[in-house]
């Protein structure tokens, strides 16, 4: 566990020192939301009905850029092989990276919320606790497979292309469940569907975080 927390602290420290990248990604997410708003036009009902989808589409798009840089420092300095020779357990590297990526994706998601409130009249205040849970589960469901594929494609010159191609099909269920749960929280849940969608998110996270942690050792041995 000490190794995991060391990896996590290292990644958070690196990102904090290079805050310009997170700021740039946040601006990119805001730009995507503005584009969605302009594309739909002044149809208030349409904007409000699909606000959750716009928020999660911007989060997924921005997260691929964040995840693509997850192993950049280690690959450029050949530090990944050095960590394995210390030895650092592969699962500690994966979970340290995945927890750090979850935190940064969550921060980017939170940043988009005030913009979505203004542009789409998204209303997270109706159930702030449930909204927080959905954000955490959705971001974690993207970060776990994203960290695995980031390690898999880290040494490829075409990583920026390959990562989204590999990641998007895998995270579609997470995104769909997150969009549906967010929509139910903001617009009402007359049929009591929210618990079922939260159950889907929990099940996907259990699957991704256990399976990806197991497979990561195979990935970095390649």
Protein backbone atom coordinates (compact mmCIF):
# COMPACT_ATOMS: atom_id res chain seq x y z
CA UNK A 1 0.00 0.00 0.00
CA UNK A 2 2.90 2.37 0.66
CA UNK A 3 3.98 1.99 -2.96
CA UNK A 4 0.47 2.82 -4.18
CA UNK A 5 0.29 6.00 -2.11
CA UNK A 6 3.78 7.00 -3.26
CA UNK A 7 2.79 6.66 -6.92
CA UNK A 8 -0.43 8.56 -6.29
CA UNK A 9 1.34 11.39 -4.46
CA UNK A 10 3.98 11.61 -7.20
CA UNK A 11 1.39 11.92 -9.99
CA UNK A 12 -0.65 14.49 -8.11
CA UNK A 13 2.49 16.52 -7.39
CA UNK A 14 3.57 16.45 -11.05
CA UNK A 15 0.14 17.57 -12.27
CA UNK A 16 -0.02 20.30 -9.64
CA UNK A 17 3.36 21.67 -10.70
CA UNK A 18 2.23 21.77 -14.34
CA UNK A 19 -1.16 23.35 -13.70
CA UNK A 20 -1.26 24.85 -17.18
CA UNK A 21 -2.19 21.46 -18.66
CA UNK A 22 -5.18 21.01 -16.36
CA UNK A 23 -6.20 24.62 -17.03
CA UNK A 24 -5.94 24.01 -20.77
CA UNK A 25 -8.08 20.86 -20.52
CA UNK A 26 -10.66 22.76 -18.46
CA UNK A 27 -10.85 25.44 -21.15
CA UNK A 28 -11.24 22.73 -23.78
CA UNK A 29 -14.14 21.21 -21.84
CA UNK A 30 -15.78 24.64 -21.59
CA UNK A 31 -15.34 25.14 -25.33
CA UNK A 32 -17.03 21.81 -26.06
CA UNK A 33 -20.03 22.78 -23.93
CA UNK A 34 -20.28 26.10 -25.76
CA UNK A 35 -20.19 24.29 -29.10
CA UNK A 36 -22.99 21.97 -27.99
CA UNK A 37 -25.05 24.98 -26.91
CA UNK A 38 -24.54 26.80 -30.22
CA UNK A 39 -25.22 23.63 -32.23
CA UNK A 40 -28.61 23.08 -30.55
CA UNK A 41 -29.57 26.73 -30.63
CA UNK A 42 -31.94 28.65 -28.36
CA UNK A 43 -34.23 25.67 -27.76
CA UNK A 44 -34.40 25.77 -23.95
CA UNK A 45 -36.34 22.53 -23.65
CA UNK A 46 -33.88 20.61 -25.85
CA UNK A 47 -30.86 21.99 -24.01
CA UNK A 48 -32.29 21.10 -20.62
CA UNK A 49 -33.34 17.61 -21.72
CA UNK A 50 -29.89 16.69 -23.02
CA UNK A 51 -27.70 18.64 -20.58
CA UNK A 52 -26.38 15.51 -18.85
CA UNK A 53 -25.29 14.04 -22.19
CA UNK A 54 -23.41 17.22 -23.12
CA UNK A 55 -21.60 17.27 -19.77
CA UNK A 56 -20.49 13.64 -19.98
CA UNK A 57 -19.46 13.90 -23.64
CA UNK A 58 -17.17 16.80 -22.74
CA UNK A 59 -15.78 14.83 -19.77
CA UNK A 60 -15.02 11.78 -21.92
CA UNK A 61 -13.41 13.86 -24.66
CA UNK A 62 -11.18 15.76 -22.24
CA UNK A 63 -10.30 12.62 -20.24
CA UNK A 64 -8.67 10.98 -23.26
CA UNK A 65 -6.24 13.90 -23.51
CA UNK A 66 -5.52 13.67 -19.79
CA UNK A 67 -5.06 9.89 -19.84
CA UNK A 68 -2.76 10.02 -22.87
CA UNK A 69 -0.20 11.87 -20.72
CA UNK A 70 -0.52 9.55 -17.72
CA UNK A 71 2.65 7.57 -18.43
CA UNK A 72 4.50 10.25 -20.39
CA UNK A 73 7.00 11.12 -17.65
CA UNK A 74 7.85 7.47 -16.98
CA UNK A 75 8.26 6.57 -20.66
CA UNK A 76 10.35 9.63 -21.58
CA UNK A 77 12.78 9.05 -18.69
CA UNK A 78 12.66 5.22 -18.81
CA UNK A 79 11.48 5.37 -15.21
CA UNK A 80 8.83 2.68 -15.65
CA UNK A 81 11.45 -0.06 -16.03
CA UNK A 82 13.35 1.39 -13.11
CA UNK A 83 10.29 1.25 -10.86
CA UNK A 84 9.74 -2.40 -11.77
CA UNK A 85 13.37 -3.20 -10.92
CA UNK A 86 13.18 -1.60 -7.45
CA UNK A 87 10.75 -3.52 -7.40
CA UNK A 88 7.45 -1.66 -7.38
CA UNK A 89 4.46 -3.93 -7.70
CA UNK A 90 2.60 -3.52 -11.04
CA UNK A 91 -0.73 -3.31 -9.22
CA UNK A 92 0.61 -0.41 -7.11
CA UNK A 93 1.58 1.48 -10.28
CA UNK A 94 -1.82 0.87 -11.83
CA UNK A 95 -3.93 1.81 -8.84
CA UNK A 96 -1.78 4.84 -8.03
CA UNK A 97 -2.20 6.07 -11.61
CA UNK A 98 -5.90 5.19 -11.71
CA UNK A 99 -6.71 7.00 -8.45
CA UNK A 100 -4.80 10.10 -9.62
CA UNK A 101 -6.58 10.04 -12.99
CA UNK A 102 -9.95 9.63 -11.26
CA UNK A 103 -9.27 12.71 -9.14
CA UNK A 104 -8.24 14.90 -12.09
CA UNK A 105 -11.16 13.75 -14.27
CA UNK A 106 -13.49 14.46 -11.35
CA UNK A 107 -12.04 17.97 -10.98
CA UNK A 108 -12.57 18.60 -14.69
CA UNK A 109 -16.14 17.29 -14.42
CA UNK A 110 -16.84 19.59 -11.46
CA UNK A 111 -15.43 22.51 -13.47
CA UNK A 112 -17.96 21.90 -16.24
CA UNK A 113 -20.95 21.98 -13.88
CA UNK A 114 -21.27 25.78 -13.43
CA UNK A 115 -20.98 26.19 -17.21
CA UNK A 116 -23.68 23.56 -17.74
CA UNK A 117 -25.89 25.28 -15.17
CA UNK A 118 -25.63 28.56 -17.10
CA UNK A 119 -25.90 27.15 -20.63
CA UNK A 120 -28.29 24.23 -20.15
CA UNK A 121 -29.99 25.03 -16.82
CA UNK A 122 -28.65 21.82 -15.33
CA UNK A 123 -29.82 21.58 -11.72
CA UNK A 124 -27.52 19.47 -9.51
CA UNK A 125 -28.92 21.10 -6.36
CA UNK A 126 -31.97 18.82 -6.42
CA UNK A 127 -29.89 15.92 -5.07
CA UNK A 128 -26.28 17.05 -4.46
CA UNK A 129 -25.29 13.85 -2.64
CA UNK A 130 -26.52 11.60 -5.43
CA UNK A 131 -24.93 13.90 -8.00
CA UNK A 132 -21.57 13.60 -6.24
CA UNK A 133 -21.85 9.78 -6.19
CA UNK A 134 -22.66 9.63 -9.90
CA UNK A 135 -19.73 11.92 -10.75
CA UNK A 136 -17.30 9.80 -8.73
CA UNK A 137 -18.55 6.51 -10.17
CA UNK A 138 -18.60 7.86 -13.72
CA UNK A 139 -15.10 9.34 -13.51
CA UNK A 140 -13.73 6.18 -11.87
CA UNK A 141 -15.36 4.04 -14.57
CA UNK A 142 -13.48 6.03 -17.20
CA UNK A 143 -10.18 6.28 -15.31
CA UNK A 144 -9.64 2.55 -14.66
CA UNK A 145 -9.76 1.27 -18.27
CA UNK A 146 -8.21 4.55 -19.39
CA UNK A 147 -5.17 3.98 -17.17
CA UNK A 148 -4.81 0.44 -18.50
CA UNK A 149 -4.93 1.53 -22.14
CA UNK A 150 -2.69 4.50 -21.42
CA UNK A 151 -0.03 2.08 -20.21
CA UNK A 152 -0.65 -0.18 -23.20
CA UNK A 153 -0.24 2.62 -25.75
CA UNK A 154 2.37 4.71 -23.89
CA UNK A 155 5.25 3.67 -26.17
CA UNK A 156 3.32 4.13 -29.41
CA UNK A 157 3.96 7.17 -31.59
CA UNK A 158 0.27 7.15 -32.49
CA UNK A 159 -0.97 7.05 -28.88
CA UNK A 160 -3.19 10.11 -29.29
CA UNK A 161 -5.09 8.22 -31.99
CA UNK A 162 -5.04 4.71 -30.56
CA UNK A 163 -6.11 5.53 -27.01
CA UNK A 164 -9.58 6.91 -27.90
CA UNK A 165 -10.12 4.13 -30.45
CA UNK A 166 -9.47 1.48 -27.79
CA UNK A 167 -11.07 3.29 -24.87
CA UNK A 168 -14.36 4.62 -26.23
CA UNK A 169 -16.01 1.24 -26.94
CA UNK A 170 -15.14 0.04 -23.44
CA UNK A 171 -16.47 3.07 -21.57
CA UNK A 172 -19.74 3.40 -23.52
CA UNK A 173 -21.72 1.51 -20.81
CA UNK A 174 -20.25 3.76 -18.10
CA UNK A 175 -21.06 6.91 -20.04
CA UNK A 176 -24.60 5.77 -20.83
CA UNK A 177 -25.29 4.87 -17.19
CA UNK A 178 -23.76 8.17 -15.99
CA UNK A 179 -25.84 10.20 -18.46
CA UNK A 180 -29.04 8.42 -17.47
CA UNK A 181 -28.38 8.71 -13.73
CA UNK A 182 -27.47 12.40 -14.03
CA UNK A 183 -30.61 13.07 -16.07
CA UNK A 184 -32.81 11.32 -13.51
CA UNK A 185 -31.27 13.30 -10.65
CA UNK A 186 -31.78 16.62 -12.39
CA UNK A 187 -35.14 16.08 -14.08
CA UNK A 188 -36.90 13.74 -11.68
CA UNK A 189 -37.25 9.99 -11.28
CA UNK A 190 -40.98 9.18 -11.35
CA UNK A 191 -40.41 5.47 -12.12
CA UNK A 192 -37.65 4.87 -9.57
CA UNK A 193 -34.96 3.97 -12.10
CA UNK A 194 -32.06 5.74 -10.38
CA UNK A 195 -31.08 2.85 -8.10
CA UNK A 196 -30.85 0.49 -11.08
CA UNK A 197 -28.53 2.83 -12.98
CA UNK A 198 -26.39 3.40 -9.89
CA UNK A 199 -26.18 -0.39 -9.56
CA UNK A 200 -24.93 -0.58 -13.16
CA UNK A 201 -22.25 2.02 -12.42
CA UNK A 202 -21.12 0.18 -9.28
CA UNK A 203 -20.98 -3.16 -11.13
CA UNK A 204 -18.97 -1.64 -14.00
CA UNK A 205 -16.51 -0.08 -11.56
CA UNK A 206 -16.03 -3.36 -9.69
CA UNK A 207 -15.39 -5.12 -12.99
CA UNK A 208 -13.05 -2.50 -14.45
CA UNK A 209 -11.02 -1.85 -11.30
CA UNK A 210 -10.46 -5.53 -10.56
CA UNK A 211 -9.89 -6.78 -14.12
CA UNK A 212 -7.74 -3.85 -15.27
CA UNK A 213 -5.58 -4.11 -12.15
CA UNK A 214 -5.03 -7.79 -12.88
CA UNK A 215 -4.23 -7.22 -16.58
CA UNK A 216 -1.87 -4.29 -16.02
CA UNK A 217 1.02 -6.58 -15.08
CA UNK A 218 0.72 -8.21 -18.51
CA UNK A 219 0.58 -4.83 -20.22
CA UNK A 220 3.82 -3.40 -18.82
CA UNK A 221 5.69 -6.65 -19.41
CA UNK A 222 5.16 -6.25 -23.16
